[in-house]
C-alpha atoms as a PDB file:
ATOM      1  CA  MET A   1      18.514 -41.927 -11.154  1.00  0.00           C
ATOM      2  CA  THR A   2      21.588 -39.803 -11.447  1.00  0.00           C
ATOM      3  CA  SER A   3      22.283 -36.656  -9.149  1.00  0.00           C
ATOM      4  CA  SER A   4      22.405 -34.787 -12.490  1.00  0.00           C
ATOM      5  CA  ALA A   5      19.026 -36.084 -13.401  1.00  0.00           C
ATOM      6  CA  VAL A   6      17.387 -35.265 -10.324  1.00  0.00           C
ATOM      7  CA  GLU A   7      19.186 -31.569 -10.407  1.00  0.00           C
ATOM      8  CA  ALA A   8      17.702 -31.071 -13.998  1.00  0.00           C
ATOM      9  CA  GLU A   9      14.393 -31.825 -12.790  1.00  0.00           C
ATOM     10  CA  ALA A  10      14.466 -29.358  -9.917  1.00  0.00           C
ATOM     11  CA  PRO A  11      11.755 -26.569  -9.948  1.00  0.00           C
ATOM     12  CA  ASP A  12      12.760 -23.032 -10.559  1.00  0.00           C
ATOM     13  CA  LEU A  13      11.724 -21.840  -7.262  1.00  0.00           C
ATOM     14  CA  VAL A  14      10.735 -23.505  -3.781  1.00  0.00           C
ATOM     15  CA  CYS A  15      10.010 -20.985  -1.290  1.00  0.00           C
ATOM     16  CA  GLN A  16       8.439 -20.859   2.425  1.00  0.00           C
ATOM     17  CA  LEU A  17       6.473 -17.872   3.672  1.00  0.00           C
ATOM     18  CA  ASP A  18       5.288 -17.403   7.302  1.00  0.00           C
ATOM     19  CA  SER A  19       2.971 -14.603   6.637  1.00  0.00           C
ATOM     20  CA  VAL A  20       0.417 -15.578   4.246  1.00  0.00           C
ATOM     21  CA  HIS A  21      -1.973 -12.440   5.286  1.00  0.00           C
ATOM     22  CA  GLY A  22       0.963 -10.224   4.540  1.00  0.00           C
ATOM     23  CA  MET A  23       1.294 -11.605   0.843  1.00  0.00           C
ATOM     24  CA  VAL A  24      -2.332 -11.171   0.462  1.00  0.00           C
ATOM     25  CA  ASP A  25      -2.139  -7.634   1.769  1.00  0.00           C
ATOM     26  CA  ALA A  26       0.472  -6.578  -0.677  1.00  0.00           C
ATOM     27  CA  LEU A  27      -1.121  -8.481  -3.612  1.00  0.00           C
ATOM     28  CA  SER A  28      -4.596  -7.165  -2.778  1.00  0.00           C
ATOM     29  CA  ALA A  29      -3.125  -3.444  -2.899  1.00  0.00           C
ATOM     30  CA  VAL A  30      -2.988  -3.782  -6.805  1.00  0.00           C
ATOM     31  CA  ARG A  31      -6.496  -5.505  -7.286  1.00  0.00           C
ATOM     32  CA  TRP A  32      -8.290  -2.694  -8.447  1.00  0.00           C
ATOM     33  CA  LYS A  33     -10.695  -4.551 -10.615  1.00  0.00           C
ATOM     34  CA  ARG A  34     -12.205  -8.045 -10.378  1.00  0.00           C
ATOM     35  CA  HIS A  35     -10.757  -9.779 -13.475  1.00  0.00           C
ATOM     36  CA  GLN A  36      -6.852  -9.026 -13.805  1.00  0.00           C
ATOM     37  CA  ASP A  37      -4.052 -11.231 -15.294  1.00  0.00           C
ATOM     38  CA  ALA A  38      -0.800 -10.853 -13.654  1.00  0.00           C
ATOM     39  CA  VAL A  39       2.734 -11.682 -14.913  1.00  0.00           C
ATOM     40  CA  VAL A  40       5.124 -12.962 -11.779  1.00  0.00           C
ATOM     41  CA  GLU A  41       8.797 -12.593 -12.731  1.00  0.00           C
ATOM     42  CA  LEU A  42      10.929 -15.067 -10.679  1.00  0.00           C
ATOM     43  CA  SER A  43      14.705 -14.200  -9.805  1.00  0.00           C
ATOM     44  CA  GLU A  44      17.557 -14.932  -7.241  1.00  0.00           C
ATOM     45  CA  HIS A  45      16.328 -11.542  -5.687  1.00  0.00           C
ATOM     46  CA  GLY A  46      12.551 -12.463  -5.188  1.00  0.00           C
ATOM     47  CA  LEU A  47       9.460 -12.309  -7.028  1.00  0.00           C
ATOM     48  CA  VAL A  48       7.887  -9.293  -8.822  1.00  0.00           C
ATOM     49  CA  VAL A  49       4.248  -9.319  -9.737  1.00  0.00           C
ATOM     50  CA  ILE A  50       3.362  -6.947 -12.681  1.00  0.00           C
ATOM     51  CA  LEU A  51      -0.103  -5.881 -13.737  1.00  0.00           C
ATOM     52  CA  GLU A  52      -1.249  -3.339 -16.304  1.00  0.00           C
ATOM     53  CA  ASP A  53      -4.226  -1.611 -17.445  1.00  0.00           C
ATOM     54  CA  THR A  54      -4.616  -0.428 -21.176  1.00  0.00           C
ATOM     55  CA  GLY A  55      -1.039   0.947 -21.534  1.00  0.00           C
ATOM     56  CA  CYS A  56      -1.804   3.579 -19.095  1.00  0.00           C
ATOM     57  CA  LEU A  57      -1.490   2.156 -15.639  1.00  0.00           C
ATOM     58  CA  GLN A  58       1.194  -0.648 -14.300  1.00  0.00           C
ATOM     59  CA  ALA A  59       1.604  -1.967 -10.760  1.00  0.00           C
ATOM     60  CA  LYS A  60       4.281  -3.935  -9.463  1.00  0.00           C
ATOM     61  CA  VAL A  61       4.760  -5.770  -6.188  1.00  0.00           C
ATOM     62  CA  TYR A  62       8.385  -6.562  -4.979  1.00  0.00           C
ATOM     63  CA  LEU A  63       8.509  -9.474  -2.637  1.00  0.00           C
ATOM     64  CA  GLN A  64      12.167  -9.743  -1.963  1.00  0.00           C
ATOM     65  CA  ARG A  65      13.831 -12.901  -0.865  1.00  0.00           C
ATOM     66  CA  GLU A  66      14.073 -11.743   2.587  1.00  0.00           C
ATOM     67  CA  LEU A  67      10.484 -11.859   3.122  1.00  0.00           C
ATOM     68  CA  PHE A  68      10.661 -15.741   2.917  1.00  0.00           C
ATOM     69  CA  VAL A  69      11.957 -18.160   5.535  1.00  0.00           C
ATOM     70  CA  ARG A  70      13.022 -20.407   2.711  1.00  0.00           C
ATOM     71  CA  TYR A  71      13.938 -19.254  -0.776  1.00  0.00           C
ATOM     72  CA  GLU A  72      15.680 -21.833  -3.136  1.00  0.00           C
ATOM     73  CA  TYR A  73      16.096 -20.500  -6.732  1.00  0.00           C
ATOM     74  CA  ASN A  74      17.382 -22.722  -9.387  1.00  0.00           C
ATOM     75  CA  ALA A  75      16.553 -21.256 -12.599  1.00  0.00           C
ATOM     76  CA  GLU A  76      18.745 -19.309 -15.303  1.00  0.00           C
ATOM     77  CA  GLY A  77      17.746 -16.032 -15.961  1.00  0.00           C
ATOM     78  CA  ARG A  78      14.365 -14.550 -14.956  1.00  0.00           C
ATOM     79  CA  PRO A  79      11.688 -16.858 -15.890  1.00  0.00           C
ATOM     80  CA  ARG A  80       7.903 -15.403 -16.208  1.00  0.00           C
ATOM     81  CA  PHE A  81       4.445 -17.015 -15.928  1.00  0.00           C
ATOM     82  CA  GLY A  82       1.107 -15.314 -16.196  1.00  0.00           C
ATOM     83  CA  VAL A  83      -1.715 -16.263 -13.580  1.00  0.00           C
ATOM     84  CA  SER A  84      -5.120 -14.851 -12.448  1.00  0.00           C
ATOM     85  CA  LEU A  85      -4.472 -12.166  -9.669  1.00  0.00           C
ATOM     86  CA  GLY A  86      -7.866 -13.047  -8.202  1.00  0.00           C
ATOM     87  CA  LEU A  87      -7.349 -16.693  -8.105  1.00  0.00           C
ATOM     88  CA  PHE A  88      -3.869 -16.570  -6.658  1.00  0.00           C
ATOM     89  CA  VAL A  89      -5.275 -14.429  -3.887  1.00  0.00           C
ATOM     90  CA  ASP A  90      -8.210 -16.461  -3.318  1.00  0.00           C
ATOM     91  CA  CYS A  91      -6.133 -19.528  -2.965  1.00  0.00           C
ATOM     92  CA  LEU A  92      -3.809 -17.553  -0.324  1.00  0.00           C
ATOM     93  CA  ASN A  93      -6.616 -16.635   1.658  1.00  0.00           C
ATOM     94  CA  SER A  94      -7.766 -20.318   1.865  1.00  0.00           C
ATOM     95  CA  PHE A  95      -4.041 -20.744   3.758  1.00  0.00           C
ATOM     96  CA  SER A  96      -4.894 -18.093   6.164  1.00  0.00           C
ATOM     97  CA  VAL A  97      -5.866 -18.754   9.608  1.00  0.00           C
ATOM     98  CA  PRO A  98      -7.241 -15.778  11.610  1.00  0.00           C
ATOM     99  CA  GLY A  99      -5.281 -15.213  14.680  1.00  0.00           C
ATOM    100  CA  ARG A 100      -2.296 -17.323  14.121  1.00  0.00           C
ATOM    101  CA  SER A 101       0.714 -17.381  11.701  1.00  0.00           C
ATOM    102  CA  SER A 102       0.556 -19.699   8.872  1.00  0.00           C
ATOM    103  CA  THR A 103       3.544 -21.163   6.969  1.00  0.00           C
ATOM    104  CA  ILE A 104       2.973 -22.168   3.195  1.00  0.00           C
ATOM    105  CA  GLU A 105       5.308 -23.372   0.656  1.00  0.00           C
ATOM    106  CA  ILE A 106       5.233 -22.176  -3.101  1.00  0.00           C
ATOM    107  CA  GLN A 107       6.723 -24.140  -5.838  1.00  0.00           C
ATOM    108  CA  TYR A 108       7.051 -23.277  -9.620  1.00  0.00           C
ATOM    109  CA  PRO A 109       6.615 -24.981 -11.770  1.00  0.00           C
ATOM    110  CA  GLY A 110       4.702 -28.385 -11.150  1.00  0.00           C
ATOM    111  CA  PRO A 111       4.538 -31.200 -13.541  1.00  0.00           C
ATOM    112  CA  ASP A 112       2.277 -29.399 -15.637  1.00  0.00           C
ATOM    113  CA  MET A 113       3.467 -26.007 -15.095  1.00  0.00           C
ATOM    114  CA  GLN A 114       1.225 -25.180 -12.165  1.00  0.00           C
ATOM    115  CA  LEU A 115       1.975 -22.917  -9.270  1.00  0.00           C
ATOM    116  CA  LEU A 116       1.888 -25.306  -6.070  1.00  0.00           C
ATOM    117  CA  LEU A 117       1.135 -24.013  -2.797  1.00  0.00           C
ATOM    118  CA  LYS A 118       0.739 -26.395   0.250  1.00  0.00           C
ATOM    119  CA  SER A 119       0.552 -25.685   4.296  1.00  0.00           C
ATOM    120  CA  VAL A 120       3.858 -27.035   6.005  1.00  0.00           C
ATOM    121  CA  ASP A 121       3.287 -26.214   9.711  1.00  0.00           C
ATOM    122  CA  SER A 122       0.025 -28.302  10.617  1.00  0.00           C
ATOM    123  CA  HIS A 123       0.397 -31.671  11.736  1.00  0.00           C
ATOM    124  CA  ASP A 124      -3.406 -32.002  11.657  1.00  0.00           C
ATOM    125  CA  VAL A 125      -4.272 -31.189   8.214  1.00  0.00           C
ATOM    126  CA  CYS A 126      -2.448 -30.315   4.918  1.00  0.00           C
ATOM    127  CA  ILE A 127      -4.063 -27.728   2.517  1.00  0.00           C
ATOM    128  CA  TYR A 128      -2.662 -28.153  -1.168  1.00  0.00           C
ATOM    129  CA  ALA A 129      -3.376 -26.237  -4.084  1.00  0.00           C
ATOM    130  CA  GLU A 130      -2.634 -26.157  -7.706  1.00  0.00           C
ATOM    131  CA  ILE A 131      -3.064 -22.627  -9.844  1.00  0.00           C
ATOM    132  CA  ARG A 132      -2.807 -23.093 -13.594  1.00  0.00           C
ATOM    133  CA  THR A 133      -0.406 -20.751 -15.131  1.00  0.00           C
ATOM    134  CA  ARG A 134      -0.085 -19.642 -18.681  1.00  0.00           C
ATOM    135  CA  ILE A 135       2.477 -18.148 -21.060  1.00  0.00           C
ATOM    136  CA  PRO A 136       2.536 -14.453 -20.167  1.00  0.00           C
ATOM    137  CA  ASP A 137       1.533 -11.758 -22.427  1.00  0.00           C
ATOM    138  CA  THR A 138       4.345  -9.311 -23.397  1.00  0.00           C
ATOM    139  CA  ILE A 139       4.248  -6.191 -21.046  1.00  0.00           C
ATOM    140  CA  SER A 140       2.916  -3.525 -23.548  1.00  0.00           C
ATOM    141  CA  TRP A 141       5.267  -0.855 -22.008  1.00  0.00           C
ATOM    142  CA  ASP A 142       8.173  -0.813 -19.760  1.00  0.00           C
ATOM    143  CA  TYR A 143      10.070   2.173 -18.850  1.00  0.00           C
ATOM    144  CA  HIS A 144      12.789   4.095 -16.958  1.00  0.00           C
ATOM    145  CA  PHE A 145      11.215   6.368 -14.689  1.00  0.00           C
ATOM    146  CA  GLU A 146      13.364   9.970 -15.518  1.00  0.00           C
ATOM    147  CA  PRO A 147      13.288  12.694 -13.285  1.00  0.00           C
ATOM    148  CA  ALA A 148      11.917  15.833 -14.864  1.00  0.00           C
ATOM    149  CA  GLY A 149      14.775  18.097 -14.080  1.00  0.00           C
ATOM    150  CA  SER A 150      17.890  18.041 -11.989  1.00  0.00           C
ATOM    151  CA  THR A 151      16.164  18.207  -8.787  1.00  0.00           C
ATOM    152  CA  PRO A 152      13.473  14.980  -8.172  1.00  0.00           C
ATOM    153  CA  LEU A 153       9.929  16.167  -7.903  1.00  0.00           C
ATOM    154  CA  THR A 154       8.646  13.960  -5.046  1.00  0.00           C
ATOM    155  CA  PHE A 155       6.083  14.521  -2.166  1.00  0.00           C
ATOM    156  CA  THR A 156       5.198  12.011   0.584  1.00  0.00           C
ATOM    157  CA  VAL A 157       1.914  12.061   2.036  1.00  0.00           C
ATOM    158  CA  LYS A 158       0.212  10.157   4.788  1.00  0.00           C
ATOM    159  CA  SER A 159      -1.374   7.066   3.122  1.00  0.00           C
ATOM    160  CA  ALA A 160      -4.834   7.501   5.137  1.00  0.00           C
ATOM    161  CA  ALA A 161      -4.803  11.029   3.971  1.00  0.00           C
ATOM    162  CA  LEU A 162      -3.994  10.120   0.174  1.00  0.00           C
ATOM    163  CA  LYS A 163      -6.899   7.578   0.169  1.00  0.00           C
ATOM    164  CA  GLU A 164      -9.394   9.944   1.473  1.00  0.00           C
ATOM    165  CA  ALA A 165      -8.427  12.634  -1.073  1.00  0.00           C
ATOM    166  CA  MET A 166      -8.538  10.120  -3.760  1.00  0.00           C
ATOM    167  CA  ASP A 167     -12.363   8.770  -2.540  1.00  0.00           C
ATOM    168  CA  ASP A 168     -13.423  12.390  -2.429  1.00  0.00           C
ATOM    169  CA  LEU A 169     -12.159  13.164  -5.967  1.00  0.00           C
ATOM    170  CA  GLU A 170     -14.829  10.713  -7.307  1.00  0.00           C
ATOM    171  CA  TRP A 171     -17.420  13.098  -7.124  1.00  0.00           C
ATOM    172  CA  PRO A 172     -16.268  15.448  -9.688  1.00  0.00           C
ATOM    173  CA  GLY A 173     -14.681  12.214 -11.691  1.00  0.00           C
ATOM    174  CA  SER A 174     -13.421  12.851 -15.207  1.00  0.00           C
ATOM    175  CA  SER A 175      -9.672  13.887 -14.992  1.00  0.00           C
ATOM    176  CA  ILE A 176      -7.758  15.062 -12.251  1.00  0.00           C
ATOM    177  CA  GLU A 177      -5.274  17.494 -12.310  1.00  0.00           C
ATOM    178  CA  ILE A 178      -2.167  17.545  -9.981  1.00  0.00           C
ATOM    179  CA  ILE A 179      -0.104  20.815  -9.471  1.00  0.00           C
ATOM    180  CA  VAL A 180       2.841  20.881  -7.547  1.00  0.00           C
ATOM    181  CA  GLN A 181       4.363  24.318  -6.841  1.00  0.00           C
ATOM    182  CA  PRO A 182       7.422  25.261  -4.646  1.00  0.00           C
ATOM    183  CA  ASP A 183       6.416  28.543  -3.284  1.00  0.00           C
ATOM    184  CA  PRO A 184       4.328  28.281  -1.300  1.00  0.00           C
ATOM    185  CA  PRO A 185       5.356  24.610  -1.195  1.00  0.00           C
ATOM    186  CA  CYS A 186       2.053  22.965  -2.030  1.00  0.00           C
ATOM    187  CA  VAL A 187       0.458  19.988  -3.765  1.00  0.00           C
ATOM    188  CA  THR A 188      -3.101  20.414  -5.409  1.00  0.00           C
ATOM    189  CA  PHE A 189      -5.506  17.780  -6.712  1.00  0.00           C
ATOM    190  CA  LYS A 190      -8.150  19.217  -8.569  1.00  0.00           C
ATOM    191  CA  GLY A 191     -11.061  17.760 -10.036  1.00  0.00           C
ATOM    192  CA  GLU A 192     -13.312  19.016 -12.916  1.00  0.00           C
ATOM    193  CA  GLY A 193     -16.272  16.952 -14.291  1.00  0.00           C
ATOM    194  CA  HIS A 194     -19.857  16.886 -12.648  1.00  0.00           C
ATOM    195  CA  GLY A 195     -18.643  19.367 -10.117  1.00  0.00           C
ATOM    196  CA  ASP A 196     -15.470  21.181  -9.189  1.00  0.00           C
ATOM    197  CA  LEU A 197     -13.310  20.121  -6.205  1.00  0.00           C
ATOM    198  CA  GLN A 198      -9.890  21.167  -4.803  1.00  0.00           C
ATOM    199  CA  ILE A 199      -7.601  19.427  -2.230  1.00  0.00           C
ATOM    200  CA  ASP A 200      -4.701  21.010  -0.989  1.00  0.00           C
ATOM    201  CA  PHE A 201      -1.593  19.486   0.744  1.00  0.00           C
ATOM    202  CA  THR A 202       0.415  22.390   2.030  1.00  0.00           C
ATOM    203  CA  TYR A 203       4.042  21.564   3.383  1.00  0.00           C
ATOM    204  CA  TYR A 204       4.911  22.944   6.650  1.00  0.00           C
ATOM    205  CA  VAL A 205       1.372  23.866   7.534  1.00  0.00           C
ATOM    206  CA  ASN A 206       0.213  20.299   7.510  1.00  0.00           C
ATOM    207  CA  THR A 207       3.230  18.496   8.587  1.00  0.00           C
ATOM    208  CA  ASP A 208       1.119  15.675   9.866  1.00  0.00           C
ATOM    209  CA  LEU A 209      -0.161  15.086   6.311  1.00  0.00           C
ATOM    210  CA  VAL A 210       2.717  16.093   4.039  1.00  0.00           C
ATOM    211  CA  LEU A 211       5.938  14.262   5.467  1.00  0.00           C
ATOM    212  CA  ALA A 212       8.264  15.201   2.717  1.00  0.00           C
ATOM    213  CA  PHE A 213       8.327  17.839  -0.013  1.00  0.00           C
ATOM    214  CA  HIS A 214      10.890  18.550  -3.282  1.00  0.00           C
ATOM    215  CA  CYS A 215      10.118  20.567  -5.713  1.00  0.00           C
ATOM    216  CA  ASP A 216      12.158  23.509  -7.469  1.00  0.00           C
ATOM    217  CA  HIS A 217       9.641  24.501 -10.076  1.00  0.00           C
ATOM    218  CA  GLN A 218       5.759  24.223 -10.917  1.00  0.00           C
ATOM    219  CA  VAL A 219       4.355  21.564 -12.893  1.00  0.00           C
ATOM    220  CA  SER A 220       0.929  20.495 -13.485  1.00  0.00           C
ATOM    221  CA  TYR A 221      -0.508  17.501 -15.354  1.00  0.00           C
ATOM    222  CA  ARG A 222      -3.901  15.814 -15.908  1.00  0.00           C
ATOM    223  CA  TYR A 223      -4.606  12.055 -15.124  1.00  0.00           C
ATOM    224  CA  LYS A 224      -7.766   9.896 -15.796  1.00  0.00           C
ATOM    225  CA  TYR A 225      -9.595   9.474 -12.297  1.00  0.00           C
ATOM    226  CA  LYS A 226     -10.071   5.893 -12.755  1.00  0.00           C
ATOM    227  CA  PHE A 227      -6.229   5.236 -12.991  1.00  0.00           C
ATOM    228  CA  LEU A 228      -5.652   7.594  -9.989  1.00  0.00           C
ATOM    229  CA  ARG A 229      -8.027   6.030  -7.845  1.00  0.00           C
ATOM    230  CA  ALA A 230      -6.473   2.491  -8.585  1.00  0.00           C
ATOM    231  CA  ILE A 231      -3.253   3.612  -6.394  1.00  0.00           C
ATOM    232  CA  THR A 232      -5.433   3.783  -3.388  1.00  0.00           C
ATOM    233  CA  SER A 233      -8.625   1.872  -3.943  1.00  0.00           C
ATOM    234  CA  ASN A 234      -7.588  -1.379  -2.356  1.00  0.00           C
ATOM    235  CA  LEU A 235      -4.982  -0.444   0.167  1.00  0.00           C
ATOM    236  CA  PRO A 236      -5.004  -2.977   3.024  1.00  0.00           C
ATOM    237  CA  SER A 237      -6.310  -1.750   6.273  1.00  0.00           C
ATOM    238  CA  SER A 238      -2.742  -2.387   7.722  1.00  0.00           C
ATOM    239  CA  VAL A 239      -1.441   0.464   5.456  1.00  0.00           C
ATOM    240  CA  ILE A 240      -4.076   2.801   6.812  1.00  0.00           C
ATOM    241  CA  LYS A 241      -3.417   1.869  10.293  1.00  0.00           C
ATOM    242  CA  ASP A 242       0.371   1.975  10.154  1.00  0.00           C
ATOM    243  CA  ASN A 243      -0.192   5.241   7.874  1.00  0.00           C
ATOM    244  CA  ARG A 244       3.643   5.218   7.412  1.00  0.00           C
ATOM    245  CA  GLY A 245       3.331   7.739   4.286  1.00  0.00           C
ATOM    246  CA  SER A 246       3.003   6.791   0.326  1.00  0.00           C
ATOM    247  CA  LYS A 247       5.719   8.575  -1.873  1.00  0.00           C
ATOM    248  CA  LEU A 248       4.444  10.286  -5.312  1.00  0.00           C
ATOM    249  CA  SER A 249       7.051  11.417  -7.853  1.00  0.00           C
ATOM    250  CA  ILE A 250       6.319  13.078 -11.246  1.00  0.00           C
ATOM    251  CA  GLY A 251       8.676  12.340 -13.840  1.00  0.00           C
ATOM    252  CA  ARG A 252       9.427  13.284 -17.655  1.00  0.00           C
ATOM    253  CA  GLY A 253       6.258  13.686 -19.426  1.00  0.00           C
ATOM    254  CA  GLY A 254       3.982  13.683 -16.432  1.00  0.00           C
ATOM    255  CA  MET A 255       4.638   9.929 -15.536  1.00  0.00           C
ATOM    256  CA  LEU A 256       3.250   9.732 -12.034  1.00  0.00           C
ATOM    257  CA  LYS A 257       4.978   7.265  -9.728  1.00  0.00           C
ATOM    258  CA  VAL A 258       3.288   5.860  -6.351  1.00  0.00           C
ATOM    259  CA  GLN A 259       5.071   3.909  -3.784  1.00  0.00           C
ATOM    260  CA  HIS A 260       3.646   2.183  -0.729  1.00  0.00           C
ATOM    261  CA  LEU A 261       4.846  -0.001   1.770  1.00  0.00           C
ATOM    262  CA  VAL A 262       2.982  -2.804   3.111  1.00  0.00           C
ATOM    263  CA  SER A 263       4.320  -4.902   6.251  1.00  0.00           C
ATOM    264  CA  VAL A 264       4.683  -8.869   5.471  1.00  0.00           C
ATOM    265  CA  ALA A 265       5.679  -9.512   9.318  1.00  0.00           C
ATOM    266  CA  ARG A 266       4.520 -12.669  10.903  1.00  0.00           C
ATOM    267  CA  ALA A 267       1.406 -12.148  12.992  1.00  0.00           C
ATOM    268  CA  ALA A 268       2.019 -12.442  16.709  1.00  0.00           C
ATOM    269  CA  ALA A 269       1.862 -15.723  18.048  1.00  0.00           C
ATOM    270  CA  SER A 270       3.132 -17.826  20.890  1.00  0.00           C
ATOM    271  CA  HIS A 271       5.486 -19.838  18.772  1.00  0.00           C
ATOM    272  CA  THR A 272       8.286 -18.923  16.300  1.00  0.00           C
ATOM    273  CA  HIS A 273       9.279 -20.535  13.086  1.00  0.00           C
ATOM    274  CA  ASN A 274      12.905 -20.008  13.770  1.00  0.00           C
ATOM    275  CA  ASP A 275      15.425 -17.676  15.039  1.00  0.00           C
ATOM    276  CA  SER A 276      16.216 -16.051  11.673  1.00  0.00           C
ATOM    277  CA  ALA A 277      12.507 -15.463  10.754  1.00  0.00           C
ATOM    278  CA  SER A 278      12.477 -13.448  14.225  1.00  0.00           C
ATOM    279  CA  HIS A 279      15.610 -11.667  13.133  1.00  0.00           C
ATOM    280  CA  GLN A 280      14.086 -10.625   9.765  1.00  0.00           C
ATOM    281  CA  GLN A 281      10.872  -9.187  11.312  1.00  0.00           C
ATOM    282  CA  PRO A 282      11.523  -5.451  11.466  1.00  0.00           C
ATOM    283  CA  SER A 283      12.693  -5.229   7.732  1.00  0.00           C
ATOM    284  CA  ARG A 284      10.044  -7.516   6.369  1.00  0.00           C
ATOM    285  CA  ILE A 285       8.336  -5.007   3.889  1.00  0.00           C
ATOM    286  CA  ALA A 286       6.665  -5.673   0.335  1.00  0.00           C
ATOM    287  CA  TYR A 287       7.227  -2.558  -1.995  1.00  0.00           C
ATOM    288  CA  ILE A 288       4.414  -1.655  -4.152  1.00  0.00           C
ATOM    289  CA  GLU A 289       4.702   0.622  -7.096  1.00  0.00           C
ATOM    290  CA  PHE A 290       2.185   2.163  -9.405  1.00  0.00           C
ATOM    291  CA  PHE A 291       3.048   4.157 -12.566  1.00  0.00           C
ATOM    292  CA  VAL A 292       0.471   6.391 -14.162  1.00  0.00           C
ATOM    293  CA  LYS A 293       0.632   8.073 -17.331  1.00  0.00           C
ATOM    294  CA  SER A 294      -0.459  11.744 -17.980  1.00  0.00           C
ATOM    295  CA  VAL A 295      -3.380  12.151 -20.513  1.00  0.00           C
ATOM    296  CA  VAL A 296      -1.931  15.751 -21.632  1.00  0.00           C
ATOM    297  CA  ASP A 297       1.114  17.764 -21.996  1.00  0.00           C
ATOM    298  CA  GLU A 298       2.361  19.843 -19.084  1.00  0.00           C
ATOM    299  CA  VAL A 299       0.184  22.683 -18.759  1.00  0.00           C
ATOM    300  CA  ASN A 300       2.868  25.197 -17.180  1.00  0.00           C
END
């Protein structure tokens, strides 16, 4: 067989990851219901996993190539494939060994367009999995997040506090109004439905909860509770424990953008995979983004 023929048969992607648990955490953060179909986009920069719900909620998990100890990309353009998120996460979990770091190899496509996974760091046993993929559905909406004014309207809240607020707002249910005002600098989550509940995050006063605040005019938008709850409903325990902070931004038309950071650092172990992996450890973060459409026009 000629070298050109071998090269033509090279898979689009072969990569290795030494933090299976970290990848599971990142993907679980966007698993807001039992059955979800995801679109995976490959590029020379890494993987992006995209999910959406009824054209009102979209989530993206960015797994940059720096997270992988090996990343060989051979495709032209940015190929996409569809896969069951639950099946993908469950398969990854089968490679995760409590108390130690596990390295897996991910390859796409296989001979029948499968997503292939196998363990590569064990001399005793090799775990191998094939996940059937599909032709991905067209993403029903894509966007360019635009600031509502000259000054970006953003605030950063401790992740644990944000999750607690979203959980508490389940009681009134229905729709949730988010009010952001510059004077005094404050973010209010207000629920009306079976009852009324208002949660205030005041900047300067609760400096341990609100880490940053940028707002030059008051805005108020409503969102369906089920979509707001999705942004924190399955945050991994590592995010709550690290409690770095989740950044929320409100753009044109009330588009809500929420960003979380999930550590994909290798678990502490007595051995290291290689020096470069150890060197990358401090910056090994997966970026999670949620976009939620408002249900009504701006109130103010």
